[in-house]
């Protein structure tokens, strides 16, 4: 089998970060960059249990709630939109 050179210059489509594919001037990117995520995490972290299964990150939960309010989505709709829309992620 022919090996690949470790010095490949071509990017892997599936290894790109979201910052490399979204437009930084998109309204959601601007909104979420302006939020005080550290303050939000501090405010909500005491609401999380110290026992049981691992929870989802505060940023994910708050971000999804904000998107639900902005777009008037229900639970199932926001999950589907989040999977399909890189700006939601």
PDB file of N, CA and C in Angstrom:
ATOM      1  N   UNK A   1       0.848  -1.175   0.000  1.00  0.00           N
ATOM      2  CA  UNK A   1       0.000   0.000   0.000  1.00  0.00           C
ATOM      3  C   UNK A   1       0.895   1.240   0.000  1.00  0.00           C
ATOM      4  N   UNK A   2       0.555   2.215  -0.805  1.00  0.00           N
ATOM      5  CA  UNK A   2       1.317   3.449  -0.922  1.00  0.00           C
ATOM      6  C   UNK A   2       1.033   4.346   0.271  1.00  0.00           C
ATOM      7  N   UNK A   3       2.053   4.768   0.980  1.00  0.00           N
ATOM      8  CA  UNK A   3       1.884   5.659   2.128  1.00  0.00           C
ATOM      9  C   UNK A   3       1.732   7.103   1.698  1.00  0.00           C
ATOM     10  N   UNK A   4       1.215   7.921   2.592  1.00  0.00           N
ATOM     11  CA  UNK A   4       1.044   9.346   2.312  1.00  0.00           C
ATOM     12  C   UNK A   4       2.161  10.130   2.967  1.00  0.00           C
ATOM     13  N   UNK A   5       2.583  11.177   2.309  1.00  0.00           N
ATOM     14  CA  UNK A   5       3.584  12.067   2.865  1.00  0.00           C
ATOM     15  C   UNK A   5       2.985  12.810   4.063  1.00  0.00           C
ATOM     16  N   UNK A   6       3.705  12.859   5.177  1.00  0.00           N
ATOM     17  CA  UNK A   6       3.166  13.545   6.352  1.00  0.00           C
ATOM     18  C   UNK A   6       3.104  15.060   6.181  1.00  0.00           C
ATOM     19  N   UNK A   7       3.721  15.581   5.135  1.00  0.00           N
ATOM     20  CA  UNK A   7       3.763  17.020   4.923  1.00  0.00           C
ATOM     21  C   UNK A   7       2.727  17.440   3.873  1.00  0.00           C
ATOM     22  N   UNK A   8       1.474  17.086   4.063  1.00  0.00           N
ATOM     23  CA  UNK A   8       0.407  17.434   3.128  1.00  0.00           C
ATOM     24  C   UNK A   8      -0.024  18.886   3.349  1.00  0.00           C
ATOM     25  N   UNK A   9      -0.135  19.655   2.288  1.00  0.00           N
ATOM     26  CA  UNK A   9      -0.556  21.056   2.395  1.00  0.00           C
ATOM     27  C   UNK A   9      -2.075  21.198   2.273  1.00  0.00           C
ATOM     28  N   UNK A  10      -2.736  20.214   1.687  1.00  0.00           N
ATOM     29  CA  UNK A  10      -4.175  20.276   1.491  1.00  0.00           C
ATOM     30  C   UNK A  10      -4.895  20.033   2.812  1.00  0.00           C
ATOM     31  N   UNK A  11      -5.905  20.870   3.092  1.00  0.00           N
ATOM     32  CA  UNK A  11      -6.665  20.711   4.322  1.00  0.00           C
ATOM     33  C   UNK A  11      -7.676  19.592   4.176  1.00  0.00           C
ATOM     34  N   UNK A  12      -7.951  18.946   5.265  1.00  0.00           N
ATOM     35  CA  UNK A  12      -8.965  17.900   5.311  1.00  0.00           C
ATOM     36  C   UNK A  12     -10.305  18.557   5.612  1.00  0.00           C
ATOM     37  N   UNK A  13     -11.274  18.401   4.735  1.00  0.00           N
ATOM     38  CA  UNK A  13     -12.589  19.009   4.902  1.00  0.00           C
ATOM     39  C   UNK A  13     -13.211  18.646   6.238  1.00  0.00           C
ATOM     40  N   UNK A  14     -13.010  17.432   6.702  1.00  0.00           N
ATOM     41  CA  UNK A  14     -13.639  16.963   7.924  1.00  0.00           C
ATOM     42  C   UNK A  14     -12.841  17.322   9.171  1.00  0.00           C
ATOM     43  N   UNK A  15     -11.682  17.925   9.006  1.00  0.00           N
ATOM     44  CA  UNK A  15     -10.872  18.323  10.146  1.00  0.00           C
ATOM     45  C   UNK A  15     -10.856  19.836  10.332  1.00  0.00           C
ATOM     46  N   UNK A  16     -11.627  20.558   9.530  1.00  0.00           N
ATOM     47  CA  UNK A  16     -11.679  22.007   9.652  1.00  0.00           C
ATOM     48  C   UNK A  16     -12.435  22.406  10.907  1.00  0.00           C
ATOM     49  N   UNK A  17     -11.998  23.490  11.531  1.00  0.00           N
ATOM     50  CA  UNK A  17     -12.754  24.016  12.662  1.00  0.00           C
ATOM     51  C   UNK A  17     -13.831  24.951  12.120  1.00  0.00           C
ATOM     52  N   UNK A  18     -14.847  25.195  12.929  1.00  0.00           N
ATOM     53  CA  UNK A  18     -15.937  26.074  12.486  1.00  0.00           C
ATOM     54  C   UNK A  18     -15.429  27.471  12.160  1.00  0.00           C
ATOM     55  N   UNK A  19     -14.434  27.945  12.886  1.00  0.00           N
ATOM     56  CA  UNK A  19     -13.901  29.291  12.622  1.00  0.00           C
ATOM     57  C   UNK A  19     -13.340  29.416  11.217  1.00  0.00           C
ATOM     58  N   UNK A  20     -12.958  28.299  10.621  1.00  0.00           N
ATOM     59  CA  UNK A  20     -12.391  28.336   9.275  1.00  0.00           C
ATOM     60  C   UNK A  20     -13.467  28.344   8.186  1.00  0.00           C
ATOM     61  N   UNK A  21     -14.709  28.014   8.524  1.00  0.00           N
ATOM     62  CA  UNK A  21     -15.733  27.930   7.477  1.00  0.00           C
ATOM     63  C   UNK A  21     -16.876  28.926   7.641  1.00  0.00           C
ATOM     64  N   UNK A  22     -16.975  29.600   8.798  1.00  0.00           N
ATOM     65  CA  UNK A  22     -18.063  30.562   8.960  1.00  0.00           C
ATOM     66  C   UNK A  22     -17.562  31.977   8.684  1.00  0.00           C
ATOM     67  N   UNK A  23     -18.481  32.827   8.294  1.00  0.00           N
ATOM     68  CA  UNK A  23     -18.178  34.221   8.014  1.00  0.00           C
ATOM     69  C   UNK A  23     -18.116  34.977   9.344  1.00  0.00           C
ATOM     70  N   UNK A  24     -16.968  35.570   9.699  1.00  0.00           N
ATOM     71  CA  UNK A  24     -16.853  36.243  10.990  1.00  0.00           C
ATOM     72  C   UNK A  24     -17.762  37.465  11.141  1.00  0.00           C
ATOM     73  N   UNK A  25     -18.307  37.972  10.041  1.00  0.00           N
ATOM     74  CA  UNK A  25     -19.210  39.119  10.143  1.00  0.00           C
ATOM     75  C   UNK A  25     -20.682  38.701  10.184  1.00  0.00           C
ATOM     76  N   UNK A  26     -20.950  37.394  10.263  1.00  0.00           N
ATOM     77  CA  UNK A  26     -22.322  36.911  10.395  1.00  0.00           C
ATOM     78  C   UNK A  26     -22.884  37.358  11.747  1.00  0.00           C
ATOM     79  N   UNK A  27     -24.167  37.718  11.769  1.00  0.00           N
ATOM     80  CA  UNK A  27     -24.784  38.268  12.987  1.00  0.00           C
ATOM     81  C   UNK A  27     -24.675  37.342  14.203  1.00  0.00           C
ATOM     82  N   UNK A  28     -24.765  36.039  13.995  1.00  0.00           N
ATOM     83  CA  UNK A  28     -24.660  35.122  15.136  1.00  0.00           C
ATOM     84  C   UNK A  28     -23.228  35.029  15.657  1.00  0.00           C
ATOM     85  N   UNK A  29     -22.260  35.092  14.765  1.00  0.00           N
ATOM     86  CA  UNK A  29     -20.860  35.064  15.180  1.00  0.00           C
ATOM     87  C   UNK A  29     -20.565  36.305  16.021  1.00  0.00           C
ATOM     88  N   UNK A  30     -21.020  37.460  15.561  1.00  0.00           N
ATOM     89  CA  UNK A  30     -20.810  38.713  16.288  1.00  0.00           C
ATOM     90  C   UNK A  30     -21.501  38.666  17.645  1.00  0.00           C
ATOM     91  N   UNK A  31     -22.749  38.210  17.670  1.00  0.00           N
ATOM     92  CA  UNK A  31     -23.501  38.124  18.927  1.00  0.00           C
ATOM     93  C   UNK A  31     -22.787  37.238  19.935  1.00  0.00           C
ATOM     94  N   UNK A  32     -22.400  36.056  19.517  1.00  0.00           N
ATOM     95  CA  UNK A  32     -21.809  35.111  20.448  1.00  0.00           C
ATOM     96  C   UNK A  32     -20.395  35.504  20.867  1.00  0.00           C
ATOM     97  N   UNK A  33     -19.693  36.299  20.046  1.00  0.00           N
ATOM     98  CA  UNK A  33     -18.382  36.802  20.472  1.00  0.00           C
ATOM     99  C   UNK A  33     -18.526  37.901  21.515  1.00  0.00           C
ATOM    100  N   UNK A  34     -19.651  38.595  21.523  1.00  0.00           N
ATOM    101  CA  UNK A  34     -19.875  39.686  22.469  1.00  0.00           C
ATOM    102  C   UNK A  34     -20.361  39.213  23.836  1.00  0.00           C
ATOM    103  N   UNK A  35     -20.833  37.988  23.900  1.00  0.00           N
ATOM    104  CA  UNK A  35     -21.336  37.481  25.173  1.00  0.00           C
ATOM    105  C   UNK A  35     -20.192  37.180  26.131  1.00  0.00           C
ATOM    106  N   UNK A  36     -20.427  37.431  27.407  1.00  0.00           N
ATOM    107  CA  UNK A  36     -19.450  37.156  28.452  1.00  0.00           C
ATOM    108  C   UNK A  36     -19.601  35.696  28.866  1.00  0.00           C
ATOM    109  N   UNK A  37     -18.966  34.788  28.112  1.00  0.00           N
ATOM    110  CA  UNK A  37     -19.144  33.357  28.353  1.00  0.00           C
ATOM    111  C   UNK A  37     -18.586  32.928  29.697  1.00  0.00           C
ATOM    112  N   UNK A  38     -17.506  33.541  30.119  1.00  0.00           N
ATOM    113  CA  UNK A  38     -16.947  33.178  31.420  1.00  0.00           C
ATOM    114  C   UNK A  38     -17.923  33.555  32.535  1.00  0.00           C
ATOM    115  N   UNK A  39     -18.499  34.745  32.444  1.00  0.00           N
ATOM    116  CA  UNK A  39     -19.492  35.176  33.428  1.00  0.00           C
ATOM    117  C   UNK A  39     -20.731  34.291  33.417  1.00  0.00           C
ATOM    118  N   UNK A  40     -21.162  33.912  32.221  1.00  0.00           N
ATOM    119  CA  UNK A  40     -22.333  33.039  32.094  1.00  0.00           C
ATOM    120  C   UNK A  40     -22.038  31.683  32.730  1.00  0.00           C
ATOM    121  N   UNK A  41     -20.850  31.129  32.448  1.00  0.00           N
ATOM    122  CA  UNK A  41     -20.491  29.837  33.034  1.00  0.00           C
ATOM    123  C   UNK A  41     -20.421  29.912  34.553  1.00  0.00           C
ATOM    124  N   UNK A  42     -19.877  30.994  35.077  1.00  0.00           N
ATOM    125  CA  UNK A  42     -19.820  31.163  36.533  1.00  0.00           C
ATOM    126  C   UNK A  42     -21.220  31.260  37.130  1.00  0.00           C
ATOM    127  N   UNK A  43     -22.096  31.975  36.455  1.00  0.00           N
ATOM    128  CA  UNK A  43     -23.463  32.182  36.953  1.00  0.00           C
ATOM    129  C   UNK A  43     -24.264  30.872  36.976  1.00  0.00           C
ATOM    130  N   UNK A  44     -24.089  30.051  35.955  1.00  0.00           N
ATOM    131  CA  UNK A  44     -24.889  28.832  35.829  1.00  0.00           C
ATOM    132  C   UNK A  44     -24.231  27.579  36.397  1.00  0.00           C
ATOM    133  N   UNK A  45     -22.945  27.624  36.662  1.00  0.00           N
ATOM    134  CA  UNK A  45     -22.255  26.401  37.078  1.00  0.00           C
ATOM    135  C   UNK A  45     -22.781  25.842  38.396  1.00  0.00           C
ATOM    136  N   UNK A  46     -23.285  26.686  39.283  1.00  0.00           N
ATOM    137  CA  UNK A  46     -23.813  26.175  40.547  1.00  0.00           C
ATOM    138  C   UNK A  46     -25.159  25.476  40.380  1.00  0.00           C
ATOM    139  N   UNK A  47     -25.764  25.598  39.222  1.00  0.00           N
ATOM    140  CA  UNK A  47     -27.037  24.919  38.932  1.00  0.00           C
ATOM    141  C   UNK A  47     -26.809  23.466  38.508  1.00  0.00           C
ATOM    142  N   UNK A  48     -25.575  23.120  38.219  1.00  0.00           N
ATOM    143  CA  UNK A  48     -25.223  21.775  37.777  1.00  0.00           C
ATOM    144  C   UNK A  48     -24.899  20.896  38.983  1.00  0.00           C
ATOM    145  N   UNK A  49     -25.308  19.668  38.916  1.00  0.00           N
ATOM    146  CA  UNK A  49     -25.058  18.712  39.991  1.00  0.00           C
ATOM    147  C   UNK A  49     -23.599  18.263  39.988  1.00  0.00           C
ATOM    148  N   UNK A  50     -23.080  18.000  41.162  1.00  0.00           N
ATOM    149  CA  UNK A  50     -21.712  17.492  41.285  1.00  0.00           C
ATOM    150  C   UNK A  50     -21.668  15.965  41.164  1.00  0.00           C
ATOM    151  N   UNK A  51     -22.839  15.333  41.148  1.00  0.00           N
ATOM    152  CA  UNK A  51     -22.911  13.873  41.045  1.00  0.00           C
ATOM    153  C   UNK A  51     -23.693  13.483  39.802  1.00  0.00           C
ATOM    154  N   UNK A  52     -23.677  12.198  39.485  1.00  0.00           N
ATOM    155  CA  UNK A  52     -24.429  11.702  38.335  1.00  0.00           C
ATOM    156  C   UNK A  52     -23.609  11.740  37.070  1.00  0.00           C
ATOM    157  N   UNK A  53     -24.314  11.602  35.945  1.00  0.00           N
ATOM    158  CA  UNK A  53     -23.640  11.578  34.650  1.00  0.00           C
ATOM    159  C   UNK A  53     -23.089  12.950  34.292  1.00  0.00           C
ATOM    160  N   UNK A  54     -22.095  12.945  33.418  1.00  0.00           N
ATOM    161  CA  UNK A  54     -21.531  14.200  32.952  1.00  0.00           C
ATOM    162  C   UNK A  54     -22.594  15.021  32.237  1.00  0.00           C
ATOM    163  N   UNK A  55     -22.559  16.318  32.458  1.00  0.00           N
ATOM    164  CA  UNK A  55     -23.542  17.205  31.841  1.00  0.00           C
ATOM    165  C   UNK A  55     -22.977  17.807  30.562  1.00  0.00           C
ATOM    166  N   UNK A  56     -23.837  18.458  29.829  1.00  0.00           N
ATOM    167  CA  UNK A  56     -23.416  19.201  28.643  1.00  0.00           C
ATOM    168  C   UNK A  56     -22.813  20.526  29.119  1.00  0.00           C
ATOM    169  N   UNK A  57     -21.889  21.100  28.347  1.00  0.00           N
ATOM    170  CA  UNK A  57     -21.281  22.368  28.753  1.00  0.00           C
ATOM    171  C   UNK A  57     -22.316  23.491  28.872  1.00  0.00           C
ATOM    172  N   UNK A  58     -22.082  24.396  29.818  1.00  0.00           N
ATOM    173  CA  UNK A  58     -22.977  25.535  30.036  1.00  0.00           C
ATOM    174  C   UNK A  58     -23.125  26.337  28.748  1.00  0.00           C
ATOM    175  N   UNK A  59     -22.022  26.555  28.048  1.00  0.00           N
ATOM    176  CA  UNK A  59     -22.062  27.344  26.809  1.00  0.00           C
ATOM    177  C   UNK A  59     -23.021  26.731  25.783  1.00  0.00           C
ATOM    178  N   UNK A  60     -22.997  25.419  25.653  1.00  0.00           N
ATOM    179  CA  UNK A  60     -23.900  24.736  24.723  1.00  0.00           C
ATOM    180  C   UNK A  60     -25.353  24.934  25.149  1.00  0.00           C
ATOM    181  N   UNK A  61     -25.639  24.723  26.413  1.00  0.00           N
ATOM    182  CA  UNK A  61     -27.018  24.814  26.893  1.00  0.00           C
ATOM    183  C   UNK A  61     -27.562  26.244  26.766  1.00  0.00           C
ATOM    184  N   UNK A  62     -26.780  27.227  27.171  1.00  0.00           N
ATOM    185  CA  UNK A  62     -27.211  28.624  27.084  1.00  0.00           C
ATOM    186  C   UNK A  62     -27.313  29.047  25.616  1.00  0.00           C
ATOM    187  N   UNK A  63     -26.347  28.638  24.807  1.00  0.00           N
ATOM    188  CA  UNK A  63     -26.391  28.978  23.385  1.00  0.00           C
ATOM    189  C   UNK A  63     -27.627  28.435  22.698  1.00  0.00           C
ATOM    190  N   UNK A  64     -27.994  27.203  23.003  1.00  0.00           N
ATOM    191  CA  UNK A  64     -29.189  26.603  22.407  1.00  0.00           C
ATOM    192  C   UNK A  64     -30.440  27.335  22.879  1.00  0.00           C
ATOM    193  N   UNK A  65     -30.482  27.708  24.143  1.00  0.00           N
ATOM    194  CA  UNK A  65     -31.642  28.456  24.646  1.00  0.00           C
ATOM    195  C   UNK A  65     -31.768  29.819  23.962  1.00  0.00           C
ATOM    196  N   UNK A  66     -30.635  30.487  23.748  1.00  0.00           N
ATOM    197  CA  UNK A  66     -30.662  31.777  23.040  1.00  0.00           C
ATOM    198  C   UNK A  66     -31.176  31.588  21.616  1.00  0.00           C
ATOM    199  N   UNK A  67     -30.672  30.575  20.924  1.00  0.00           N
ATOM    200  CA  UNK A  67     -31.116  30.315  19.551  1.00  0.00           C
ATOM    201  C   UNK A  67     -32.604  29.968  19.501  1.00  0.00           C
ATOM    202  N   UNK A  68     -33.075  29.191  20.474  1.00  0.00           N
ATOM    203  CA  UNK A  68     -34.508  28.857  20.523  1.00  0.00           C
ATOM    204  C   UNK A  68     -35.347  30.124  20.616  1.00  0.00           C
ATOM    205  N   UNK A  69     -34.911  31.068  21.444  1.00  0.00           N
ATOM    206  CA  UNK A  69     -35.653  32.314  21.613  1.00  0.00           C
ATOM    207  C   UNK A  69     -35.567  33.191  20.359  1.00  0.00           C
ATOM    208  N   UNK A  70     -34.381  33.304  19.786  1.00  0.00           N
ATOM    209  CA  UNK A  70     -34.198  34.157  18.606  1.00  0.00           C
ATOM    210  C   UNK A  70     -35.031  33.690  17.415  1.00  0.00           C
ATOM    211  N   UNK A  71     -35.115  32.370  17.239  1.00  0.00           N
ATOM    212  CA  UNK A  71     -35.772  31.829  16.052  1.00  0.00           C
ATOM    213  C   UNK A  71     -37.116  31.175  16.343  1.00  0.00           C
ATOM    214  N   UNK A  72     -37.551  31.238  17.599  1.00  0.00           N
ATOM    215  CA  UNK A  72     -38.836  30.675  18.001  1.00  0.00           C
ATOM    216  C   UNK A  72     -38.944  29.196  17.616  1.00  0.00           C
ATOM    217  N   UNK A  73     -37.894  28.443  17.927  1.00  0.00           N
ATOM    218  CA  UNK A  73     -37.856  27.011  17.632  1.00  0.00           C
ATOM    219  C   UNK A  73     -38.259  26.200  18.851  1.00  0.00           C
ATOM    220  N   UNK A  74     -38.812  25.031  18.595  1.00  0.00           N
ATOM    221  CA  UNK A  74     -39.088  24.079  19.648  1.00  0.00           C
ATOM    222  C   UNK A  74     -37.864  23.203  19.893  1.00  0.00           C
ATOM    223  N   UNK A  75     -37.975  22.289  20.849  1.00  0.00           N
ATOM    224  CA  UNK A  75     -36.838  21.439  21.213  1.00  0.00           C
ATOM    225  C   UNK A  75     -36.317  20.620  20.037  1.00  0.00           C
ATOM    226  N   UNK A  76     -37.207  19.917  19.352  1.00  0.00           N
ATOM    227  CA  UNK A  76     -36.766  19.073  18.244  1.00  0.00           C
ATOM    228  C   UNK A  76     -36.265  19.897  17.066  1.00  0.00           C
ATOM    229  N   UNK A  77     -36.909  21.022  16.820  1.00  0.00           N
ATOM    230  CA  UNK A  77     -36.518  21.877  15.702  1.00  0.00           C
ATOM    231  C   UNK A  77     -35.132  22.469  15.923  1.00  0.00           C
ATOM    232  N   UNK A  78     -34.842  22.892  17.154  1.00  0.00           N
ATOM    233  CA  UNK A  78     -33.535  23.496  17.409  1.00  0.00           C
ATOM    234  C   UNK A  78     -32.423  22.459  17.294  1.00  0.00           C
ATOM    235  N   UNK A  79     -32.673  21.233  17.711  1.00  0.00           N
ATOM    236  CA  UNK A  79     -31.652  20.188  17.595  1.00  0.00           C
ATOM    237  C   UNK A  79     -31.356  19.921  16.124  1.00  0.00           C
ATOM    238  N   UNK A  80     -32.383  19.822  15.317  1.00  0.00           N
ATOM    239  CA  UNK A  80     -32.189  19.590  13.879  1.00  0.00           C
ATOM    240  C   UNK A  80     -31.457  20.760  13.231  1.00  0.00           C
ATOM    241  N   UNK A  81     -31.856  21.980  13.580  1.00  0.00           N
ATOM    242  CA  UNK A  81     -31.213  23.165  13.008  1.00  0.00           C
ATOM    243  C   UNK A  81     -29.757  23.270  13.467  1.00  0.00           C
ATOM    244  N   UNK A  82     -29.486  22.918  14.716  1.00  0.00           N
ATOM    245  CA  UNK A  82     -28.131  22.994  15.252  1.00  0.00           C
ATOM    246  C   UNK A  82     -27.198  22.043  14.500  1.00  0.00           C
ATOM    247  N   UNK A  83     -27.701  20.872  14.179  1.00  0.00           N
ATOM    248  CA  UNK A  83     -26.889  19.885  13.460  1.00  0.00           C
ATOM    249  C   UNK A  83     -26.590  20.364  12.040  1.00  0.00           C
ATOM    250  N   UNK A  84     -27.560  21.026  11.407  1.00  0.00           N
ATOM    251  CA  UNK A  84     -27.416  21.396  10.003  1.00  0.00           C
ATOM    252  C   UNK A  84     -26.774  22.760   9.772  1.00  0.00           C
ATOM    253  N   UNK A  85     -26.803  23.630  10.761  1.00  0.00           N
ATOM    254  CA  UNK A  85     -26.355  25.011  10.555  1.00  0.00           C
ATOM    255  C   UNK A  85     -25.053  25.277  11.317  1.00  0.00           C
ATOM    256  N   UNK A  86     -23.951  25.491  10.618  1.00  0.00           N
ATOM    257  CA  UNK A  86     -22.693  25.724  11.323  1.00  0.00           C
ATOM    258  C   UNK A  86     -22.700  27.006  12.156  1.00  0.00           C
ATOM    259  N   UNK A  87     -23.528  27.975  11.795  1.00  0.00           N
ATOM    260  CA  UNK A  87     -23.594  29.200  12.587  1.00  0.00           C
ATOM    261  C   UNK A  87     -24.253  28.946  13.946  1.00  0.00           C
ATOM    262  N   UNK A  88     -25.132  27.990  14.007  1.00  0.00           N
ATOM    263  CA  UNK A  88     -25.718  27.639  15.299  1.00  0.00           C
ATOM    264  C   UNK A  88     -24.698  26.956  16.187  1.00  0.00           C
ATOM    265  N   UNK A  89     -23.793  26.224  15.574  1.00  0.00           N
ATOM    266  CA  UNK A  89     -22.785  25.504  16.359  1.00  0.00           C
ATOM    267  C   UNK A  89     -21.730  26.452  16.868  1.00  0.00           C
TER     268      UNK A  89
END
